């Protein structure tokens, strides 16, 4: 039964290592956490810049 489900399952790119996500190298886990944190900071900075830019347009 299990092999039949696996044979019929569609391929989803990007999910090759999804089952191993919890079993990663501690250094890689720290790097992934650092990248997520930086991404949050960058997104916040972008929103601040957009907000300030919108304020300048409204005042002009």
C-alpha atoms as a PDB file:
ATOM      1  CA  UNK A   1       0.000   0.000   0.000  1.00  0.00           C
ATOM      2  CA  UNK A   2       2.747   2.470   0.922  1.00  0.00           C
ATOM      3  CA  UNK A   3       4.741   1.907  -2.262  1.00  0.00           C
ATOM      4  CA  UNK A   4       1.579   2.400  -4.338  1.00  0.00           C
ATOM      5  CA  UNK A   5       1.014   5.808  -2.717  1.00  0.00           C
ATOM      6  CA  UNK A   6       4.621   6.769  -3.334  1.00  0.00           C
ATOM      7  CA  UNK A   7       4.394   5.724  -6.982  1.00  0.00           C
ATOM      8  CA  UNK A   8       1.263   7.832  -7.482  1.00  0.00           C
ATOM      9  CA  UNK A   9       2.522  10.895  -5.604  1.00  0.00           C
ATOM     10  CA  UNK A  10       3.310  13.882  -7.829  1.00  0.00           C
ATOM     11  CA  UNK A  11       6.788  15.367  -7.814  1.00  0.00           C
ATOM     12  CA  UNK A  12       7.094  18.677  -5.967  1.00  0.00           C
ATOM     13  CA  UNK A  13      10.386  20.506  -6.591  1.00  0.00           C
ATOM     14  CA  UNK A  14      11.921  21.832  -3.413  1.00  0.00           C
ATOM     15  CA  UNK A  15      10.595  19.072  -1.182  1.00  0.00           C
ATOM     16  CA  UNK A  16      13.427  16.612  -1.791  1.00  0.00           C
ATOM     17  CA  UNK A  17      14.932  17.164   1.664  1.00  0.00           C
ATOM     18  CA  UNK A  18      11.749  18.090   3.541  1.00  0.00           C
ATOM     19  CA  UNK A  19      11.840  14.922   5.627  1.00  0.00           C
ATOM     20  CA  UNK A  20      15.424  15.619   6.709  1.00  0.00           C
ATOM     21  CA  UNK A  21      14.857  19.199   7.838  1.00  0.00           C
ATOM     22  CA  UNK A  22      14.960  18.242  11.534  1.00  0.00           C
ATOM     23  CA  UNK A  23      18.158  16.201  11.076  1.00  0.00           C
ATOM     24  CA  UNK A  24      20.507  18.890   9.878  1.00  0.00           C
ATOM     25  CA  UNK A  25      23.957  19.900  10.909  1.00  0.00           C
ATOM     26  CA  UNK A  26      23.889  22.307  13.914  1.00  0.00           C
ATOM     27  CA  UNK A  27      26.065  24.774  12.004  1.00  0.00           C
ATOM     28  CA  UNK A  28      23.643  24.733   9.063  1.00  0.00           C
ATOM     29  CA  UNK A  29      20.716  25.203  11.456  1.00  0.00           C
ATOM     30  CA  UNK A  30      22.397  28.275  12.929  1.00  0.00           C
ATOM     31  CA  UNK A  31      23.110  29.628   9.450  1.00  0.00           C
ATOM     32  CA  UNK A  32      19.470  29.098   8.403  1.00  0.00           C
ATOM     33  CA  UNK A  33      18.293  30.894  11.547  1.00  0.00           C
ATOM     34  CA  UNK A  34      20.681  33.777  10.818  1.00  0.00           C
ATOM     35  CA  UNK A  35      19.396  34.050   7.245  1.00  0.00           C
ATOM     36  CA  UNK A  36      15.766  34.117   8.422  1.00  0.00           C
ATOM     37  CA  UNK A  37      16.604  36.826  10.957  1.00  0.00           C
ATOM     38  CA  UNK A  38      18.378  38.922   8.314  1.00  0.00           C
ATOM     39  CA  UNK A  39      15.443  38.474   5.944  1.00  0.00           C
ATOM     40  CA  UNK A  40      13.098  39.845   8.619  1.00  0.00           C
ATOM     41  CA  UNK A  41      15.370  42.854   9.177  1.00  0.00           C
ATOM     42  CA  UNK A  42      15.581  43.541   5.444  1.00  0.00           C
ATOM     43  CA  UNK A  43      11.800  43.297   5.002  1.00  0.00           C
ATOM     44  CA  UNK A  44      11.276  45.667   7.940  1.00  0.00           C
ATOM     45  CA  UNK A  45      13.780  48.127   6.483  1.00  0.00           C
ATOM     46  CA  UNK A  46      12.016  47.983   3.105  1.00  0.00           C
ATOM     47  CA  UNK A  47       8.682  48.769   4.738  1.00  0.00           C
ATOM     48  CA  UNK A  48      10.198  51.729   6.605  1.00  0.00           C
ATOM     49  CA  UNK A  49      11.700  53.083   3.382  1.00  0.00           C
ATOM     50  CA  UNK A  50       8.365  52.661   1.570  1.00  0.00           C
ATOM     51  CA  UNK A  51       6.563  54.438   4.416  1.00  0.00           C
ATOM     52  CA  UNK A  52       9.005  57.338   4.436  1.00  0.00           C
ATOM     53  CA  UNK A  53       8.881  57.550   0.648  1.00  0.00           C
ATOM     54  CA  UNK A  54       5.077  57.662   0.694  1.00  0.00           C
ATOM     55  CA  UNK A  55       5.230  60.483   3.255  1.00  0.00           C
ATOM     56  CA  UNK A  56       7.484  62.549   0.997  1.00  0.00           C
ATOM     57  CA  UNK A  57       5.112  62.110  -1.947  1.00  0.00           C
ATOM     58  CA  UNK A  58       2.115  63.166   0.154  1.00  0.00           C
ATOM     59  CA  UNK A  59       3.885  66.312   1.364  1.00  0.00           C
ATOM     60  CA  UNK A  60       4.935  67.358  -2.167  1.00  0.00           C
END
